[in-house]
Amino acid sequence: MRRVLFLAAAVVAVCGALVRAEEPAKAKVAIGEPAPAFQIKDQGGKAIDLAELTKSGPVLVRLTCGCSGCDKELAYFQQIHESYKNQGLTSLLIFREPDEKVAKYAAEKKLNTLYAVDSQGESWKTFQTTAMPINFLIAKGGKVVSIAKGCDPSGLLANMVSEKVATVVGSEAVDVQKVVAEKQPAPATDKKTAEKK
């Protein structure tokens, strides 16, 4: 009787292992690993396929929102795009906001990158994260080379991302904090303060 129970248990264990082996394991999104299969429609309804984008160069995917912190960071990430697009970088911003809000925001901020809306958060599931914002730098060919998460309105995080992008594209790093600061208009002084000086 023991022998029959042992054999039955062994058969169940082997069958269970075979069933689990048939289920494809979801690869962890991590540095050094291939980027996940990812497709989304841009603001105009055109399909964006991450695998296609990474055939021609590196891609910076930013999962973000329109909160005040992300809003303050936007200028730095737009500058990263401007600084490295001629070296092949494609930037893709994915907003977890309603379409109407993002359309207005994009017009106000004069977005110069690809962007898409994912109000349901499917992109976060694909990239296996709940962080917002989070940036995935994916090299030409599709391997994740950097993951930077968190909100830093000072631009320090964006500068670190800029350095990673520079390494990937083989160019000198751009200090995006400095470039954005130089683009900001000088603070206006009131007439009385100017007269006292």
Protein backbone atom coordinates (compact mmCIF):
# COMPACT_ATOMS: atom_id res chain seq x y z
CA MET A 1 0.00 0.00 0.00
CA ARG A 2 2.84 2.38 0.83
CA ARG A 3 4.40 1.67 -2.50
CA VAL A 4 1.18 2.57 -4.35
CA LEU A 5 0.81 5.81 -2.38
CA PHE A 6 4.45 6.68 -3.04
CA LEU A 7 4.03 6.06 -6.78
CA ALA A 8 0.81 8.08 -6.87
CA ALA A 9 2.51 10.98 -5.08
CA ALA A 10 5.46 10.82 -7.48
CA VAL A 11 3.14 10.89 -10.52
CA VAL A 12 1.27 13.90 -9.13
CA ALA A 13 4.54 15.72 -8.44
CA VAL A 14 5.90 15.05 -11.93
CA CYS A 15 2.64 16.07 -13.62
CA GLY A 16 2.51 19.26 -11.55
CA ALA A 17 6.07 20.10 -12.54
CA LEU A 18 5.26 19.53 -16.21
CA VAL A 19 2.21 21.78 -16.04
CA ARG A 20 4.24 24.54 -14.37
CA ALA A 21 7.01 24.10 -16.96
CA GLU A 22 4.52 24.78 -19.76
CA GLU A 23 3.52 28.12 -18.24
CA PRO A 24 5.95 30.73 -19.56
CA ALA A 25 7.80 32.42 -16.72
CA LYS A 26 7.47 36.18 -16.78
CA ALA A 27 10.98 37.59 -17.02
CA LYS A 28 11.83 40.09 -14.33
CA VAL A 29 12.37 43.62 -15.57
CA ALA A 30 15.88 44.31 -14.33
CA ILE A 31 19.17 45.85 -15.37
CA GLY A 32 20.96 43.53 -17.76
CA GLU A 33 17.76 41.75 -18.77
CA PRO A 34 15.74 42.20 -21.97
CA ALA A 35 13.05 44.87 -21.86
CA PRO A 36 9.51 43.51 -21.75
CA ALA A 37 7.40 43.18 -24.87
CA PHE A 38 5.56 46.48 -24.84
CA GLN A 39 3.17 48.26 -27.16
CA ILE A 40 1.02 51.33 -26.60
CA LYS A 41 -0.72 53.92 -28.74
CA ASP A 42 0.63 57.44 -28.80
CA GLN A 43 -1.39 60.62 -28.44
CA GLY A 44 -2.44 60.41 -32.09
CA GLY A 45 -3.51 56.76 -31.95
CA LYS A 46 -0.37 55.45 -33.70
CA ALA A 47 1.02 52.16 -32.34
CA ILE A 48 4.36 52.39 -30.55
CA ASP A 49 6.30 49.13 -30.29
CA LEU A 50 9.27 49.22 -27.89
CA ALA A 51 11.06 46.43 -29.77
CA GLU A 52 10.84 48.43 -33.00
CA LEU A 53 12.11 51.60 -31.31
CA THR A 54 15.11 49.81 -29.80
CA LYS A 55 16.13 48.48 -33.22
CA SER A 56 17.27 51.98 -34.19
CA GLY A 57 18.67 53.25 -30.89
CA PRO A 58 18.28 53.54 -27.14
CA VAL A 59 14.91 54.39 -25.61
CA LEU A 60 14.17 56.20 -22.37
CA VAL A 61 10.75 55.11 -21.08
CA ARG A 62 9.37 57.35 -18.32
CA LEU A 63 6.26 56.22 -16.46
CA THR A 64 4.92 59.40 -14.91
CA CYS A 65 1.95 61.55 -13.97
CA GLY A 66 1.14 65.23 -13.91
CA CYS A 67 1.63 65.88 -10.20
CA SER A 68 3.59 68.97 -9.13
CA GLY A 69 6.82 66.99 -8.55
CA CYS A 70 6.70 65.27 -11.94
CA ASP A 71 5.76 68.59 -13.51
CA LYS A 72 8.88 70.20 -12.05
CA GLU A 73 11.02 67.31 -13.35
CA LEU A 74 9.58 67.47 -16.86
CA ALA A 75 11.93 70.23 -18.05
CA TYR A 76 14.95 68.07 -17.16
CA PHE A 77 13.63 65.05 -19.04
CA GLN A 78 12.74 67.18 -22.05
CA GLN A 79 16.31 68.46 -21.95
CA ILE A 80 17.66 64.90 -21.85
CA HIS A 81 15.65 64.21 -24.99
CA GLU A 82 16.89 67.38 -26.71
CA SER A 83 20.49 66.73 -25.70
CA TYR A 84 20.71 63.16 -26.98
CA LYS A 85 18.14 62.79 -29.76
CA ASN A 86 20.78 63.47 -32.42
CA GLN A 87 22.76 60.54 -31.00
CA GLY A 88 19.75 58.27 -31.51
CA LEU A 89 17.84 58.52 -28.21
CA THR A 90 14.07 58.17 -28.35
CA SER A 91 12.17 59.33 -25.27
CA LEU A 92 8.72 57.98 -24.46
CA LEU A 93 6.67 59.50 -21.66
CA ILE A 94 3.69 57.49 -20.44
CA PHE A 95 1.20 59.40 -18.32
CA ARG A 96 -1.19 57.79 -15.89
CA GLU A 97 -3.77 60.52 -16.28
CA PRO A 98 -6.99 61.02 -18.28
CA ASP A 99 -6.52 61.74 -22.01
CA GLU A 100 -8.05 65.21 -21.84
CA LYS A 101 -5.78 66.30 -19.00
CA VAL A 102 -2.66 65.05 -20.78
CA ALA A 103 -3.62 66.67 -24.10
CA LYS A 104 -3.94 70.04 -22.38
CA TYR A 105 -0.76 69.47 -20.35
CA ALA A 106 1.22 68.45 -23.46
CA ALA A 107 0.14 71.62 -25.27
CA GLU A 108 1.01 73.84 -22.29
CA LYS A 109 4.42 72.22 -21.78
CA LYS A 110 5.19 71.94 -25.50
CA LEU A 111 6.16 68.28 -25.17
CA ASN A 112 8.89 67.44 -27.66
CA THR A 113 8.92 63.67 -27.11
CA LEU A 114 6.72 60.71 -27.89
CA TYR A 115 4.05 60.37 -25.27
CA ALA A 116 1.12 58.14 -24.50
CA VAL A 117 -1.66 57.92 -21.96
CA ASP A 118 -2.28 54.87 -19.80
CA SER A 119 -4.90 55.84 -17.25
CA GLN A 120 -5.46 52.16 -16.32
CA GLY A 121 -1.80 51.55 -15.42
CA GLU A 122 -1.18 48.59 -17.74
CA SER A 123 2.29 49.93 -18.54
CA TRP A 124 3.22 49.74 -14.87
CA LYS A 125 2.15 46.08 -14.83
CA THR A 126 4.20 45.35 -17.94
CA PHE A 127 7.27 46.97 -16.40
CA GLN A 128 6.50 45.24 -13.06
CA THR A 129 6.47 48.35 -10.93
CA THR A 130 4.19 50.48 -8.83
CA ALA A 131 6.70 53.36 -8.65
CA MET A 132 5.89 56.71 -10.13
CA PRO A 133 7.78 58.24 -11.69
CA ILE A 134 10.21 55.63 -12.90
CA ASN A 135 12.63 55.70 -15.82
CA PHE A 136 13.85 52.71 -17.82
CA LEU A 137 16.81 53.25 -20.14
CA ILE A 138 16.85 50.53 -22.76
CA ALA A 139 19.86 50.15 -25.03
CA LYS A 140 19.72 49.60 -28.77
CA GLY A 141 18.80 45.95 -29.11
CA GLY A 142 16.47 45.93 -26.13
CA LYS A 143 18.48 45.35 -22.95
CA VAL A 144 17.59 47.37 -19.83
CA VAL A 145 20.71 49.30 -18.80
CA SER A 146 19.34 51.62 -16.11
CA ILE A 147 16.32 51.97 -13.86
CA ALA A 148 15.88 55.21 -11.92
CA LYS A 149 12.83 55.71 -9.76
CA GLY A 150 11.55 58.50 -7.62
CA CYS A 151 10.66 62.13 -7.94
CA ASP A 152 13.42 64.73 -7.68
CA PRO A 153 12.33 68.23 -8.69
CA SER A 154 15.90 69.50 -8.18
CA GLY A 155 17.09 67.66 -11.31
CA LEU A 156 19.71 65.53 -9.56
CA LEU A 157 18.02 62.26 -10.61
CA ALA A 158 17.64 63.56 -14.17
CA ASN A 159 21.37 64.35 -14.21
CA MET A 160 22.14 60.76 -13.22
CA VAL A 161 19.87 59.55 -16.03
CA SER A 162 21.63 61.96 -18.41
CA GLU A 163 24.99 60.41 -17.47
CA LYS A 164 23.66 56.90 -18.17
CA VAL A 165 22.25 58.01 -21.53
CA ALA A 166 25.59 59.62 -22.44
CA THR A 167 27.37 56.34 -21.72
CA VAL A 168 24.90 54.39 -23.86
CA VAL A 169 25.11 56.76 -26.84
CA GLY A 170 28.87 57.28 -26.46
CA SER A 171 28.91 61.01 -25.91
CA GLU A 172 29.82 63.49 -23.21
CA ALA A 173 27.23 63.84 -20.44
CA VAL A 174 25.07 66.96 -20.43
CA ASP A 175 24.44 68.67 -17.08
CA VAL A 176 20.68 69.02 -17.55
CA GLN A 177 20.30 70.84 -14.22
CA LYS A 178 22.62 73.57 -15.48
CA VAL A 179 21.09 73.77 -18.96
CA VAL A 180 17.54 74.04 -17.60
CA ALA A 181 18.61 76.65 -15.01
CA GLU A 182 20.22 78.73 -17.76
CA LYS A 183 16.99 78.63 -19.78
CA GLN A 184 14.90 79.91 -16.86
CA PRO A 185 14.13 83.63 -17.04
CA ALA A 186 15.85 85.75 -14.43
CA PRO A 187 13.58 86.62 -11.53
CA ALA A 188 11.96 90.00 -11.92
CA THR A 189 12.88 92.62 -9.38
CA ASP A 190 10.38 95.20 -8.33
CA LYS A 191 11.12 98.84 -9.00
CA LYS A 192 11.59 99.80 -5.31
CA THR A 193 14.16 97.04 -4.71
CA ALA A 194 16.09 98.10 -7.82
CA GLU A 195 16.09 101.77 -6.74
CA LYS A 196 17.49 100.96 -3.27
CA LYS A 197 20.51 99.23 -4.79
